[in-house]
Protein backbone atom coordinates (compact mmCIF):
# COMPACT_ATOMS: atom_id res chain seq x y z
CA MET A 1 32.52 5.29 50.97
CA ILE A 2 35.03 7.42 49.05
CA ILE A 3 38.60 6.56 50.08
CA THR A 4 40.59 9.71 50.94
CA ASP A 5 43.18 8.13 53.24
CA LYS A 6 46.46 8.44 51.45
CA THR A 7 47.95 5.23 52.93
CA THR A 8 44.94 3.21 51.80
CA LEU A 9 44.88 4.68 48.29
CA THR A 10 48.64 4.06 47.95
CA ALA A 11 48.20 0.40 48.98
CA LEU A 12 45.30 0.00 46.58
CA LEU A 13 46.90 1.58 43.58
CA VAL A 14 50.77 1.37 43.58
CA GLY A 15 52.15 -1.78 42.01
CA SER A 16 48.73 -2.99 40.62
CA THR A 17 46.80 -3.09 37.38
CA HIS A 18 43.21 -2.11 37.66
CA TYR A 19 40.80 -3.34 34.98
CA VAL A 20 38.04 -0.86 34.87
CA ALA A 21 34.71 -1.74 33.14
CA MET A 22 33.53 1.45 31.39
CA ALA A 23 30.58 -0.01 29.45
CA PRO A 24 29.44 -3.50 28.53
CA GLY A 25 32.37 -5.07 26.69
CA LYS A 26 34.62 -2.01 27.13
CA GLU A 27 37.38 -2.27 29.68
CA ALA A 28 40.36 0.02 30.40
CA ALA A 29 43.56 -1.17 32.08
CA ILE A 30 45.50 1.15 34.31
CA TYR A 31 48.89 0.28 35.87
CA TYR A 32 50.09 2.44 38.73
CA ARG A 33 53.83 1.54 38.59
CA THR A 34 54.98 3.92 41.30
CA ALA A 35 53.48 6.59 43.56
CA SER A 36 53.77 9.03 40.68
CA GLU A 37 53.80 7.08 37.36
CA ALA A 38 50.89 5.43 35.61
CA PHE A 39 50.13 3.67 32.34
CA MET A 40 46.74 3.14 30.71
CA ALA A 41 45.22 1.26 27.78
CA LEU A 42 41.73 2.37 26.74
CA PRO A 43 39.12 0.07 25.13
CA ASP A 44 39.78 1.68 21.70
CA GLY A 45 43.46 0.75 21.82
CA THR A 46 44.80 4.18 22.87
CA ARG A 47 47.66 3.91 25.28
CA ARG A 48 48.79 6.71 27.63
CA THR A 49 51.63 7.36 30.05
CA GLY A 50 51.31 9.95 32.76
CA GLN A 51 51.98 11.31 36.20
CA TRP A 52 49.62 11.01 39.14
CA ARG A 53 49.53 12.39 42.71
CA LEU A 54 47.40 11.97 45.71
CA THR A 55 45.00 14.87 46.67
CA GLU A 56 42.87 15.62 49.71
CA THR A 57 39.88 14.05 47.96
CA GLY A 58 41.49 11.23 45.98
CA TYR A 59 44.11 11.63 43.26
CA HIS A 60 44.86 13.57 40.06
CA VAL A 61 46.34 12.17 36.78
CA ASP A 62 48.03 14.19 34.10
CA TRP A 63 48.33 12.02 30.90
CA ILE A 64 51.00 12.92 28.43
CA ASP A 65 49.25 14.22 25.26
CA GLY A 66 45.93 13.48 26.94
CA PRO A 67 43.54 14.82 29.54
CA SER A 68 44.19 15.74 33.13
CA ALA A 69 41.56 14.84 35.68
CA GLY A 70 40.84 14.28 39.37
CA TRP A 71 39.56 10.90 40.42
CA GLN A 72 38.11 9.22 43.50
CA ILE A 73 37.72 5.56 44.41
CA ASP A 74 34.29 4.77 45.88
CA VAL A 75 34.14 1.49 47.76
CA GLU A 76 30.86 -0.24 48.62
CA PRO A 77 30.29 -3.95 49.44
CA GLY A 78 30.86 -5.85 46.25
CA HIS A 79 31.64 -2.66 44.12
CA ILE A 80 34.61 -0.35 43.65
CA GLY A 81 33.76 2.63 41.43
CA TYR A 82 36.01 5.18 39.73
CA LEU A 83 34.44 8.61 40.12
CA ASP A 84 35.41 11.70 38.22
CA ASP A 85 36.10 15.02 39.96
CA GLY A 86 32.35 15.82 39.56
CA GLY A 87 31.39 12.70 41.50
CA VAL A 88 30.05 10.78 38.48
CA GLU A 89 31.01 7.14 38.24
CA ARG A 90 32.83 6.53 34.96
CA GLY A 91 33.57 2.86 35.44
CA HIS A 92 33.94 0.18 38.09
CA VAL A 93 36.74 -2.19 38.95
CA ALA A 94 36.29 -5.53 37.29
CA ARG A 95 39.50 -6.89 38.82
CA ILE A 96 42.78 -5.77 40.35
CA VAL A 97 45.92 -7.74 39.53
CA PRO A 98 49.30 -7.33 41.15
CA GLY A 99 52.06 -6.00 38.91
CA ASP A 100 51.96 -4.90 35.25
CA ALA A 101 49.45 -7.58 34.30
CA ALA A 102 48.52 -5.95 30.90
CA ALA A 103 52.18 -5.17 29.95
CA LEU A 104 51.53 -1.39 29.83
CA ALA A 105 54.89 -0.05 31.01
């Protein structure tokens, strides 16, 4: 079930660090500090800061000096997927930790 409810997405994202498994042994960390500011560390060590906003179908992120993309959170029993704007799962949540658990900000 793709979460499109803005209240639910806000509660799931804001103030938490999502660890997203992108491939075996490759995990990104994304910290949604506020309802508009995010920080990310990719598996290769690249770090990004950006702005994000809710949309009708999920949310959109604009990374400074990086890509801009729409995303959706797909929740199934035992699985939370990160889907790109084409509906393709690009990773799944390994864990969600309150606060800036990866010291990204």
